[in-house]
Amino acid sequence: MSAILELLRGHEVRRFDTGQVVIQQGERSGLLYFLIEGAVEVLKDNVPVATTSELGVVFGEMAALLGGDHTATVRAAKPCDFYLVKNPREFLQATPPVCLHVCELLARRLDALNKYLVDVKHQFEGHDHIGMVDEVLETLLHRQPRTRIRPKESTIRHGELPD
């Protein structure tokens, strides 16, 4: 993790006090936030869904990658510092190790969601109202994006690390 944080050195550092909103659901910041220290809680529609103090965890990646508004609110659970990355798509294209780090975090989140949905399905087997879980799992596992964005020729394909 220290290698990822080292690649972010030189970016703006912003401090948030306990209770302060880092990212507001429904807004667009155009930034990636990498946690340096502290702890945050994540809320979806004002419902707490996660807390973390994992160094290097990133927020704002969904909005940056999909080109939309933030899909959740991130609030400081205790004082925390973040590296802020402007122009996140360009930064990720130019910094393959950080891009891979973001991909791994997204994959872990998707894997956890899939496991959760399977667990819910098992718990409510035989109940008619839980049939929608099948539809959600099918969508998560098999739905492909309408358009695929191909990366430019870059060091990603050559396995080179940036200078």
N, C-alpha and C. Protein backbone atom coordinates (compact mmCIF):
# COMPACT_ATOMS: atom_id res chain seq x y z
N MET A 1 0.82 -1.19 0.00
CA MET A 1 0.00 0.00 0.00
C MET A 1 0.86 1.26 0.00
N SER A 2 1.99 1.19 0.66
CA SER A 2 2.85 2.38 0.71
C SER A 2 3.33 2.76 -0.69
N ALA A 3 3.49 1.76 -1.59
CA ALA A 3 3.92 2.06 -2.96
C ALA A 3 2.85 2.88 -3.69
N ILE A 4 1.59 2.56 -3.46
CA ILE A 4 0.50 3.32 -4.09
C ILE A 4 0.48 4.74 -3.54
N LEU A 5 0.56 4.86 -2.23
CA LEU A 5 0.56 6.20 -1.63
C LEU A 5 1.77 7.01 -2.08
N GLU A 6 2.89 6.34 -2.31
CA GLU A 6 4.09 7.02 -2.79
C GLU A 6 3.86 7.60 -4.19
N LEU A 7 3.12 6.87 -5.03
CA LEU A 7 2.81 7.35 -6.37
C LEU A 7 1.88 8.57 -6.35
N LEU A 8 1.19 8.75 -5.25
CA LEU A 8 0.26 9.88 -5.11
C LEU A 8 0.91 11.11 -4.48
N ARG A 9 2.12 10.92 -3.95
CA ARG A 9 2.83 12.04 -3.33
C ARG A 9 2.95 13.17 -4.34
N GLY A 10 2.76 14.37 -3.89
CA GLY A 10 2.79 15.53 -4.79
C GLY A 10 1.40 16.03 -5.14
N HIS A 11 0.38 15.16 -4.94
CA HIS A 11 -0.99 15.61 -5.15
C HIS A 11 -1.46 16.39 -3.92
N GLU A 12 -2.46 17.21 -4.12
CA GLU A 12 -3.01 17.99 -3.02
C GLU A 12 -3.49 17.06 -1.90
N VAL A 13 -3.23 17.47 -0.66
CA VAL A 13 -3.73 16.75 0.52
C VAL A 13 -4.82 17.61 1.14
N ARG A 14 -5.95 16.99 1.44
CA ARG A 14 -7.04 17.72 2.08
C ARG A 14 -7.44 16.99 3.36
N ARG A 15 -7.64 17.76 4.42
CA ARG A 15 -8.03 17.22 5.73
C ARG A 15 -9.53 17.45 5.94
N PHE A 16 -10.19 16.45 6.52
CA PHE A 16 -11.60 16.54 6.86
C PHE A 16 -11.75 16.21 8.34
N ASP A 17 -12.54 17.01 9.04
CA ASP A 17 -12.80 16.79 10.45
C ASP A 17 -13.96 15.82 10.63
N THR A 18 -14.07 15.24 11.81
CA THR A 18 -15.15 14.31 12.12
C THR A 18 -16.50 14.91 11.76
N GLY A 19 -17.29 14.14 11.01
CA GLY A 19 -18.62 14.58 10.61
C GLY A 19 -18.67 15.36 9.32
N GLN A 20 -17.53 15.79 8.83
CA GLN A 20 -17.50 16.58 7.60
C GLN A 20 -17.70 15.67 6.39
N VAL A 21 -18.48 16.13 5.42
CA VAL A 21 -18.74 15.37 4.20
C VAL A 21 -17.55 15.51 3.25
N VAL A 22 -17.04 14.37 2.84
CA VAL A 22 -15.93 14.32 1.88
C VAL A 22 -16.51 14.34 0.46
N ILE A 23 -17.48 13.47 0.22
CA ILE A 23 -18.16 13.36 -1.08
C ILE A 23 -19.66 13.34 -0.80
N GLN A 24 -20.42 14.08 -1.59
CA GLN A 24 -21.88 14.12 -1.42
C GLN A 24 -22.54 13.35 -2.56
N GLN A 25 -23.37 12.37 -2.21
CA GLN A 25 -24.12 11.61 -3.21
C GLN A 25 -24.90 12.57 -4.10
N GLY A 26 -24.88 12.31 -5.40
CA GLY A 26 -25.63 13.12 -6.35
C GLY A 26 -24.88 14.33 -6.88
N GLU A 27 -23.73 14.62 -6.30
CA GLU A 27 -22.91 15.73 -6.79
C GLU A 27 -21.76 15.18 -7.63
N ARG A 28 -21.08 16.06 -8.32
CA ARG A 28 -19.97 15.68 -9.19
C ARG A 28 -18.76 16.53 -8.81
N SER A 29 -17.70 15.88 -8.32
CA SER A 29 -16.52 16.63 -7.90
C SER A 29 -15.41 16.60 -8.95
N GLY A 30 -15.38 15.56 -9.78
CA GLY A 30 -14.30 15.42 -10.75
C GLY A 30 -12.98 15.04 -10.10
N LEU A 31 -13.04 14.45 -8.89
CA LEU A 31 -11.84 14.10 -8.14
C LEU A 31 -11.87 12.64 -7.69
N LEU A 32 -10.68 12.10 -7.49
CA LEU A 32 -10.52 10.84 -6.76
C LEU A 32 -9.94 11.19 -5.40
N TYR A 33 -10.40 10.47 -4.38
CA TYR A 33 -9.94 10.70 -3.00
C TYR A 33 -9.29 9.41 -2.50
N PHE A 34 -8.00 9.46 -2.17
CA PHE A 34 -7.28 8.32 -1.63
C PHE A 34 -7.00 8.57 -0.15
N LEU A 35 -7.50 7.68 0.70
CA LEU A 35 -7.37 7.86 2.14
C LEU A 35 -5.91 7.65 2.58
N ILE A 36 -5.36 8.66 3.24
CA ILE A 36 -4.00 8.60 3.78
C ILE A 36 -4.06 8.13 5.23
N GLU A 37 -4.97 8.72 6.00
CA GLU A 37 -5.17 8.31 7.39
C GLU A 37 -6.55 8.75 7.85
N GLY A 38 -7.05 8.08 8.89
CA GLY A 38 -8.36 8.42 9.42
C GLY A 38 -9.37 7.32 9.14
N ALA A 39 -10.64 7.65 9.25
CA ALA A 39 -11.72 6.69 9.02
C ALA A 39 -12.93 7.42 8.45
N VAL A 40 -13.66 6.71 7.59
CA VAL A 40 -14.84 7.29 6.97
C VAL A 40 -16.00 6.31 7.06
N GLU A 41 -17.20 6.87 6.90
CA GLU A 41 -18.39 6.04 6.74
C GLU A 41 -18.99 6.37 5.38
N VAL A 42 -19.56 5.35 4.76
CA VAL A 42 -20.18 5.49 3.45
C VAL A 42 -21.68 5.34 3.63
N LEU A 43 -22.43 6.28 3.04
CA LEU A 43 -23.88 6.26 3.15
C LEU A 43 -24.48 6.25 1.74
N LYS A 44 -25.49 5.44 1.57
CA LYS A 44 -26.24 5.40 0.31
C LYS A 44 -27.67 5.80 0.64
N ASP A 45 -28.15 6.88 0.06
CA ASP A 45 -29.48 7.42 0.37
C ASP A 45 -29.65 7.63 1.87
N ASN A 46 -28.59 8.17 2.50
CA ASN A 46 -28.53 8.47 3.94
C ASN A 46 -28.56 7.24 4.84
N VAL A 47 -28.37 6.06 4.28
CA VAL A 47 -28.31 4.82 5.05
C VAL A 47 -26.84 4.38 5.13
N PRO A 48 -26.29 4.25 6.34
CA PRO A 48 -24.89 3.79 6.45
C PRO A 48 -24.73 2.38 5.87
N VAL A 49 -23.76 2.23 4.96
CA VAL A 49 -23.53 0.93 4.34
C VAL A 49 -22.14 0.37 4.59
N ALA A 50 -21.19 1.22 5.00
CA ALA A 50 -19.83 0.74 5.25
C ALA A 50 -19.05 1.77 6.05
N THR A 51 -18.02 1.28 6.72
CA THR A 51 -17.02 2.14 7.35
C THR A 51 -15.66 1.55 6.99
N THR A 52 -14.67 2.40 6.90
CA THR A 52 -13.32 1.91 6.60
C THR A 52 -12.27 2.89 7.10
N SER A 53 -11.13 2.32 7.42
CA SER A 53 -9.94 3.11 7.74
C SER A 53 -8.74 2.55 6.96
N GLU A 54 -9.04 1.77 5.92
CA GLU A 54 -8.00 1.13 5.10
C GLU A 54 -7.22 2.19 4.33
N LEU A 55 -5.92 2.28 4.58
CA LEU A 55 -5.08 3.24 3.89
C LEU A 55 -5.07 2.94 2.40
N GLY A 56 -5.17 3.98 1.60
CA GLY A 56 -5.13 3.83 0.16
C GLY A 56 -6.47 3.54 -0.48
N VAL A 57 -7.51 3.33 0.33
CA VAL A 57 -8.83 3.10 -0.25
C VAL A 57 -9.23 4.34 -1.03
N VAL A 58 -9.92 4.13 -2.13
CA VAL A 58 -10.26 5.23 -3.03
C VAL A 58 -11.76 5.46 -3.06
N PHE A 59 -12.14 6.72 -3.19
CA PHE A 59 -13.54 7.11 -3.31
C PHE A 59 -13.67 8.05 -4.49
N GLY A 60 -14.82 8.01 -5.15
CA GLY A 60 -15.06 8.84 -6.31
C GLY A 60 -14.74 8.13 -7.61
N GLU A 61 -14.30 6.88 -7.52
CA GLU A 61 -13.89 6.14 -8.71
C GLU A 61 -15.07 5.79 -9.62
N MET A 62 -16.23 5.52 -9.03
CA MET A 62 -17.40 5.18 -9.86
C MET A 62 -17.79 6.39 -10.71
N ALA A 63 -17.88 7.55 -10.11
CA ALA A 63 -18.23 8.76 -10.85
C ALA A 63 -17.18 9.07 -11.90
N ALA A 64 -15.91 8.90 -11.55
CA ALA A 64 -14.83 9.19 -12.49
C ALA A 64 -14.85 8.24 -13.68
N LEU A 65 -15.03 6.96 -13.42
CA LEU A 65 -14.99 5.97 -14.49
C LEU A 65 -16.26 5.95 -15.33
N LEU A 66 -17.40 6.20 -14.71
CA LEU A 66 -18.67 6.15 -15.44
C LEU A 66 -19.11 7.52 -15.95
N GLY A 67 -18.42 8.57 -15.51
CA GLY A 67 -18.73 9.91 -15.98
C GLY A 67 -20.03 10.46 -15.45
N GLY A 68 -20.34 10.16 -14.21
CA GLY A 68 -21.59 10.65 -13.63
C GLY A 68 -21.39 11.27 -12.27
N ASP A 69 -22.49 11.38 -11.56
CA ASP A 69 -22.46 11.93 -10.20
C ASP A 69 -21.99 10.86 -9.22
N HIS A 70 -21.59 11.30 -8.04
CA HIS A 70 -21.19 10.36 -6.99
C HIS A 70 -22.40 9.53 -6.57
N THR A 71 -22.19 8.24 -6.37
CA THR A 71 -23.28 7.32 -6.08
C THR A 71 -23.50 7.10 -4.59
N ALA A 72 -22.64 7.67 -3.77
CA ALA A 72 -22.77 7.54 -2.32
C ALA A 72 -22.16 8.76 -1.65
N THR A 73 -22.52 8.96 -0.39
CA THR A 73 -21.91 10.01 0.42
C THR A 73 -20.81 9.38 1.25
N VAL A 74 -19.68 10.08 1.35
CA VAL A 74 -18.57 9.65 2.20
C VAL A 74 -18.40 10.75 3.24
N ARG A 75 -18.40 10.34 4.52
CA ARG A 75 -18.31 11.30 5.62
C ARG A 75 -17.20 10.85 6.57
N ALA A 76 -16.44 11.81 7.07
CA ALA A 76 -15.35 11.51 8.00
C ALA A 76 -15.92 10.99 9.32
N ALA A 77 -15.54 9.76 9.69
CA ALA A 77 -15.95 9.19 10.97
C ALA A 77 -15.02 9.65 12.09
N LYS A 78 -13.81 10.02 11.70
CA LYS A 78 -12.85 10.69 12.57
C LYS A 78 -11.95 11.50 11.65
N PRO A 79 -11.15 12.40 12.19
CA PRO A 79 -10.34 13.24 11.30
C PRO A 79 -9.56 12.39 10.30
N CYS A 80 -9.54 12.83 9.05
CA CYS A 80 -8.85 12.05 8.02
C CYS A 80 -8.23 12.97 6.98
N ASP A 81 -7.21 12.43 6.33
CA ASP A 81 -6.51 13.11 5.25
C ASP A 81 -6.64 12.28 3.98
N PHE A 82 -6.77 12.98 2.85
CA PHE A 82 -6.88 12.34 1.55
C PHE A 82 -5.92 12.99 0.57
N TYR A 83 -5.37 12.18 -0.35
CA TYR A 83 -4.76 12.72 -1.55
C TYR A 83 -5.91 12.96 -2.52
N LEU A 84 -5.95 14.14 -3.14
CA LEU A 84 -6.95 14.45 -4.15
C LEU A 84 -6.30 14.38 -5.52
N VAL A 85 -6.94 13.66 -6.41
CA VAL A 85 -6.43 13.54 -7.78
C VAL A 85 -7.41 14.22 -8.73
N LYS A 86 -6.93 15.25 -9.40
CA LYS A 86 -7.72 15.93 -10.41
C LYS A 86 -7.55 15.20 -11.73
N ASN A 87 -8.50 15.34 -12.63
CA ASN A 87 -8.46 14.67 -13.93
C ASN A 87 -8.21 13.16 -13.75
N PRO A 88 -9.09 12.49 -13.01
CA PRO A 88 -8.83 11.10 -12.62
C PRO A 88 -8.66 10.13 -13.78
N ARG A 89 -9.42 10.27 -14.85
CA ARG A 89 -9.27 9.32 -15.97
C ARG A 89 -7.88 9.42 -16.58
N GLU A 90 -7.41 10.63 -16.80
CA GLU A 90 -6.07 10.82 -17.36
C GLU A 90 -5.00 10.28 -16.41
N PHE A 91 -5.19 10.55 -15.12
CA PHE A 91 -4.23 10.06 -14.13
C PHE A 91 -4.18 8.54 -14.13
N LEU A 92 -5.34 7.88 -14.16
CA LEU A 92 -5.36 6.42 -14.15
C LEU A 92 -4.74 5.84 -15.41
N GLN A 93 -4.95 6.47 -16.55
CA GLN A 93 -4.33 6.00 -17.79
C GLN A 93 -2.82 6.14 -17.74
N ALA A 94 -2.35 7.19 -17.10
CA ALA A 94 -0.91 7.47 -17.04
C ALA A 94 -0.20 6.73 -15.91
N THR A 95 -0.95 6.15 -14.98
CA THR A 95 -0.35 5.52 -13.80
C THR A 95 -0.92 4.11 -13.62
N PRO A 96 -0.45 3.15 -14.42
CA PRO A 96 -1.01 1.78 -14.38
C PRO A 96 -1.03 1.12 -13.00
N PRO A 97 -0.02 1.29 -12.15
CA PRO A 97 -0.13 0.63 -10.84
C PRO A 97 -1.30 1.16 -10.00
N VAL A 98 -1.59 2.45 -10.08
CA VAL A 98 -2.73 3.01 -9.34
C VAL A 98 -4.03 2.54 -9.99
N CYS A 99 -4.06 2.48 -11.31
CA CYS A 99 -5.24 2.00 -12.01
C CYS A 99 -5.54 0.55 -11.60
N LEU A 100 -4.51 -0.28 -11.54
CA LEU A 100 -4.70 -1.67 -11.11
C LEU A 100 -5.20 -1.72 -9.67
N HIS A 101 -4.68 -0.87 -8.82
CA HIS A 101 -5.12 -0.78 -7.43
C HIS A 101 -6.62 -0.46 -7.36
N VAL A 102 -7.07 0.51 -8.15
CA VAL A 102 -8.49 0.88 -8.20
C VAL A 102 -9.31 -0.30 -8.71
N CYS A 103 -8.82 -0.97 -9.74
CA CYS A 103 -9.52 -2.15 -10.28
C CYS A 103 -9.66 -3.24 -9.22
N GLU A 104 -8.61 -3.49 -8.46
CA GLU A 104 -8.66 -4.51 -7.40
C GLU A 104 -9.67 -4.13 -6.32
N LEU A 105 -9.71 -2.86 -5.94
CA LEU A 105 -10.68 -2.42 -4.94
C LEU A 105 -12.11 -2.60 -5.46
N LEU A 106 -12.35 -2.23 -6.71
CA LEU A 106 -13.67 -2.41 -7.29
C LEU A 106 -14.05 -3.89 -7.37
N ALA A 107 -13.09 -4.73 -7.73
CA ALA A 107 -13.35 -6.17 -7.82
C ALA A 107 -13.69 -6.74 -6.44
N ARG A 108 -12.99 -6.30 -5.39
CA ARG A 108 -13.30 -6.77 -4.04
C ARG A 108 -14.70 -6.34 -3.62
N ARG A 109 -15.09 -5.11 -3.95
CA ARG A 109 -16.43 -4.63 -3.60
C ARG A 109 -17.50 -5.42 -4.34
N LEU A 110 -17.28 -5.69 -5.61
CA LEU A 110 -18.25 -6.46 -6.40
C LEU A 110 -18.34 -7.89 -5.89
N ASP A 111 -17.21 -8.48 -5.54
CA ASP A 111 -17.20 -9.83 -5.00
C ASP A 111 -17.98 -9.89 -3.68
N ALA A 112 -17.78 -8.91 -2.82
CA ALA A 112 -18.50 -8.87 -1.55
C ALA A 112 -20.01 -8.73 -1.78
N LEU A 113 -20.40 -7.92 -2.74
CA LEU A 113 -21.81 -7.74 -3.06
C LEU A 113 -22.41 -9.04 -3.58
N ASN A 114 -21.69 -9.72 -4.48
CA ASN A 114 -22.17 -11.00 -4.99
C ASN A 114 -22.35 -12.02 -3.88
N LYS A 115 -21.39 -12.11 -2.97
CA LYS A 115 -21.48 -13.06 -1.85
C LYS A 115 -22.66 -12.71 -0.96
N TYR A 116 -22.86 -11.43 -0.73
CA TYR A 116 -23.99 -11.00 0.10
C TYR A 116 -25.32 -11.39 -0.54
N LEU A 117 -25.46 -11.13 -1.83
CA LEU A 117 -26.71 -11.46 -2.50
C LEU A 117 -26.97 -12.97 -2.52
N VAL A 118 -25.93 -13.76 -2.69
CA VAL A 118 -26.10 -15.22 -2.65
C VAL A 118 -26.53 -15.64 -1.25
N ASP A 119 -25.93 -15.04 -0.22
CA ASP A 119 -26.31 -15.36 1.15
C ASP A 119 -27.77 -15.00 1.41
N VAL A 120 -28.20 -13.84 0.95
CA VAL A 120 -29.61 -13.44 1.11
C VAL A 120 -30.52 -14.43 0.41
N LYS A 121 -30.12 -14.82 -0.78
CA LYS A 121 -30.93 -15.78 -1.53
C LYS A 121 -31.08 -17.09 -0.76
N HIS A 122 -29.98 -17.58 -0.19
CA HIS A 122 -30.03 -18.83 0.60
C HIS A 122 -30.92 -18.68 1.84
N GLN A 123 -30.83 -17.53 2.49
CA GLN A 123 -31.62 -17.31 3.70
C GLN A 123 -33.12 -17.27 3.42
N PHE A 124 -33.49 -16.80 2.25
CA PHE A 124 -34.90 -16.63 1.94
C PHE A 124 -35.40 -17.59 0.87
N GLU A 125 -34.69 -18.69 0.66
CA GLU A 125 -35.13 -19.66 -0.33
C GLU A 125 -36.54 -20.13 0.00
N GLY A 126 -37.35 -20.25 -1.04
CA GLY A 126 -38.72 -20.69 -0.86
C GLY A 126 -39.71 -19.55 -0.65
N HIS A 127 -39.23 -18.34 -0.50
CA HIS A 127 -40.10 -17.17 -0.35
C HIS A 127 -40.24 -16.50 -1.72
N ASP A 128 -41.46 -16.31 -2.18
CA ASP A 128 -41.71 -15.77 -3.51
C ASP A 128 -41.13 -14.38 -3.72
N HIS A 129 -41.16 -13.54 -2.69
CA HIS A 129 -40.74 -12.15 -2.86
C HIS A 129 -39.24 -11.98 -3.06
N ILE A 130 -38.46 -13.03 -2.85
CA ILE A 130 -37.01 -12.89 -2.98
C ILE A 130 -36.51 -13.24 -4.39
N GLY A 131 -37.43 -13.56 -5.30
CA GLY A 131 -37.05 -13.88 -6.66
C GLY A 131 -36.27 -12.78 -7.35
N MET A 132 -36.42 -11.55 -6.90
CA MET A 132 -35.69 -10.45 -7.50
C MET A 132 -34.18 -10.59 -7.31
N VAL A 133 -33.73 -11.34 -6.31
CA VAL A 133 -32.30 -11.54 -6.11
C VAL A 133 -31.69 -12.23 -7.32
N ASP A 134 -32.42 -13.19 -7.90
CA ASP A 134 -31.94 -13.85 -9.12
C ASP A 134 -31.70 -12.83 -10.23
N GLU A 135 -32.63 -11.91 -10.37
CA GLU A 135 -32.49 -10.89 -11.41
C GLU A 135 -31.28 -9.99 -11.14
N VAL A 136 -31.07 -9.62 -9.89
CA VAL A 136 -29.93 -8.78 -9.54
C VAL A 136 -28.63 -9.52 -9.82
N LEU A 137 -28.53 -10.78 -9.38
CA LEU A 137 -27.33 -11.57 -9.64
C LEU A 137 -27.08 -11.73 -11.13
N GLU A 138 -28.12 -12.01 -11.88
CA GLU A 138 -27.98 -12.16 -13.33
C GLU A 138 -27.44 -10.88 -13.95
N THR A 139 -27.96 -9.74 -13.52
CA THR A 139 -27.50 -8.46 -14.04
C THR A 139 -26.04 -8.22 -13.69
N LEU A 140 -25.66 -8.49 -12.45
CA LEU A 140 -24.28 -8.25 -12.02
C LEU A 140 -23.29 -9.16 -12.72
N LEU A 141 -23.67 -10.40 -12.94
CA LEU A 141 -22.74 -11.38 -13.49
C LEU A 141 -22.67 -11.38 -15.01
N HIS A 142 -23.73 -10.99 -15.69
CA HIS A 142 -23.75 -11.17 -17.13
C HIS A 142 -24.02 -9.93 -17.96
N ARG A 143 -24.45 -8.88 -17.36
CA ARG A 143 -24.77 -7.67 -18.14
C ARG A 143 -23.49 -6.99 -18.57
N GLN A 144 -23.38 -6.74 -19.84
CA GLN A 144 -22.21 -6.07 -20.38
C GLN A 144 -22.55 -4.61 -20.66
N PRO A 145 -21.57 -3.73 -20.57
CA PRO A 145 -21.84 -2.33 -20.87
C PRO A 145 -22.25 -2.16 -22.33
N ARG A 146 -23.02 -1.12 -22.59
CA ARG A 146 -23.47 -0.87 -23.96
C ARG A 146 -22.31 -0.53 -24.88
N THR A 147 -21.36 0.24 -24.38
CA THR A 147 -20.18 0.56 -25.17
C THR A 147 -18.96 0.21 -24.36
N ARG A 148 -17.98 -0.33 -25.01
CA ARG A 148 -16.74 -0.68 -24.34
C ARG A 148 -15.71 0.36 -24.67
N ILE A 149 -15.03 0.84 -23.67
CA ILE A 149 -13.99 1.83 -23.86
C ILE A 149 -12.66 1.09 -23.85
N ARG A 150 -11.94 1.20 -24.94
CA ARG A 150 -10.64 0.55 -25.07
C ARG A 150 -9.56 1.52 -24.62
N PRO A 151 -8.63 1.06 -23.78
CA PRO A 151 -7.54 1.96 -23.37
C PRO A 151 -6.63 2.26 -24.55
N LYS A 152 -6.02 3.43 -24.50
CA LYS A 152 -5.04 3.80 -25.51
C LYS A 152 -3.83 2.91 -25.33
N GLU A 153 -3.01 2.84 -26.36
CA GLU A 153 -1.74 2.13 -26.24
C GLU A 153 -0.99 2.79 -25.10
N SER A 154 -0.59 2.02 -24.12
CA SER A 154 0.05 2.60 -22.95
C SER A 154 0.95 1.58 -22.30
N THR A 155 1.53 1.97 -21.21
CA THR A 155 2.41 1.07 -20.48
C THR A 155 1.64 -0.04 -19.82
N ILE A 156 0.30 0.05 -19.76
CA ILE A 156 -0.50 -1.01 -19.15
C ILE A 156 -0.26 -2.32 -19.88
N ARG A 157 -0.21 -2.26 -21.20
CA ARG A 157 -0.05 -3.46 -22.02
C ARG A 157 1.37 -4.00 -22.01
N HIS A 158 2.31 -3.19 -21.64
CA HIS A 158 3.69 -3.61 -21.66
C HIS A 158 4.23 -3.98 -20.28
N GLY A 159 3.41 -3.81 -19.26
CA GLY A 159 3.81 -4.15 -17.90
C GLY A 159 4.90 -3.26 -17.34
N GLU A 160 5.05 -2.07 -17.88
CA GLU A 160 6.08 -1.15 -17.40
C GLU A 160 5.52 -0.28 -16.29
N LEU A 161 6.38 0.08 -15.36
CA LEU A 161 5.99 1.00 -14.31
C LEU A 161 6.36 2.41 -14.73
N PRO A 162 5.60 3.40 -14.29
CA PRO A 162 5.94 4.79 -14.63
C PRO A 162 7.23 5.20 -13.97
N ASP A 163 7.88 6.22 -14.54
CA ASP A 163 9.14 6.73 -13.97
C ASP A 163 8.92 7.33 -12.63
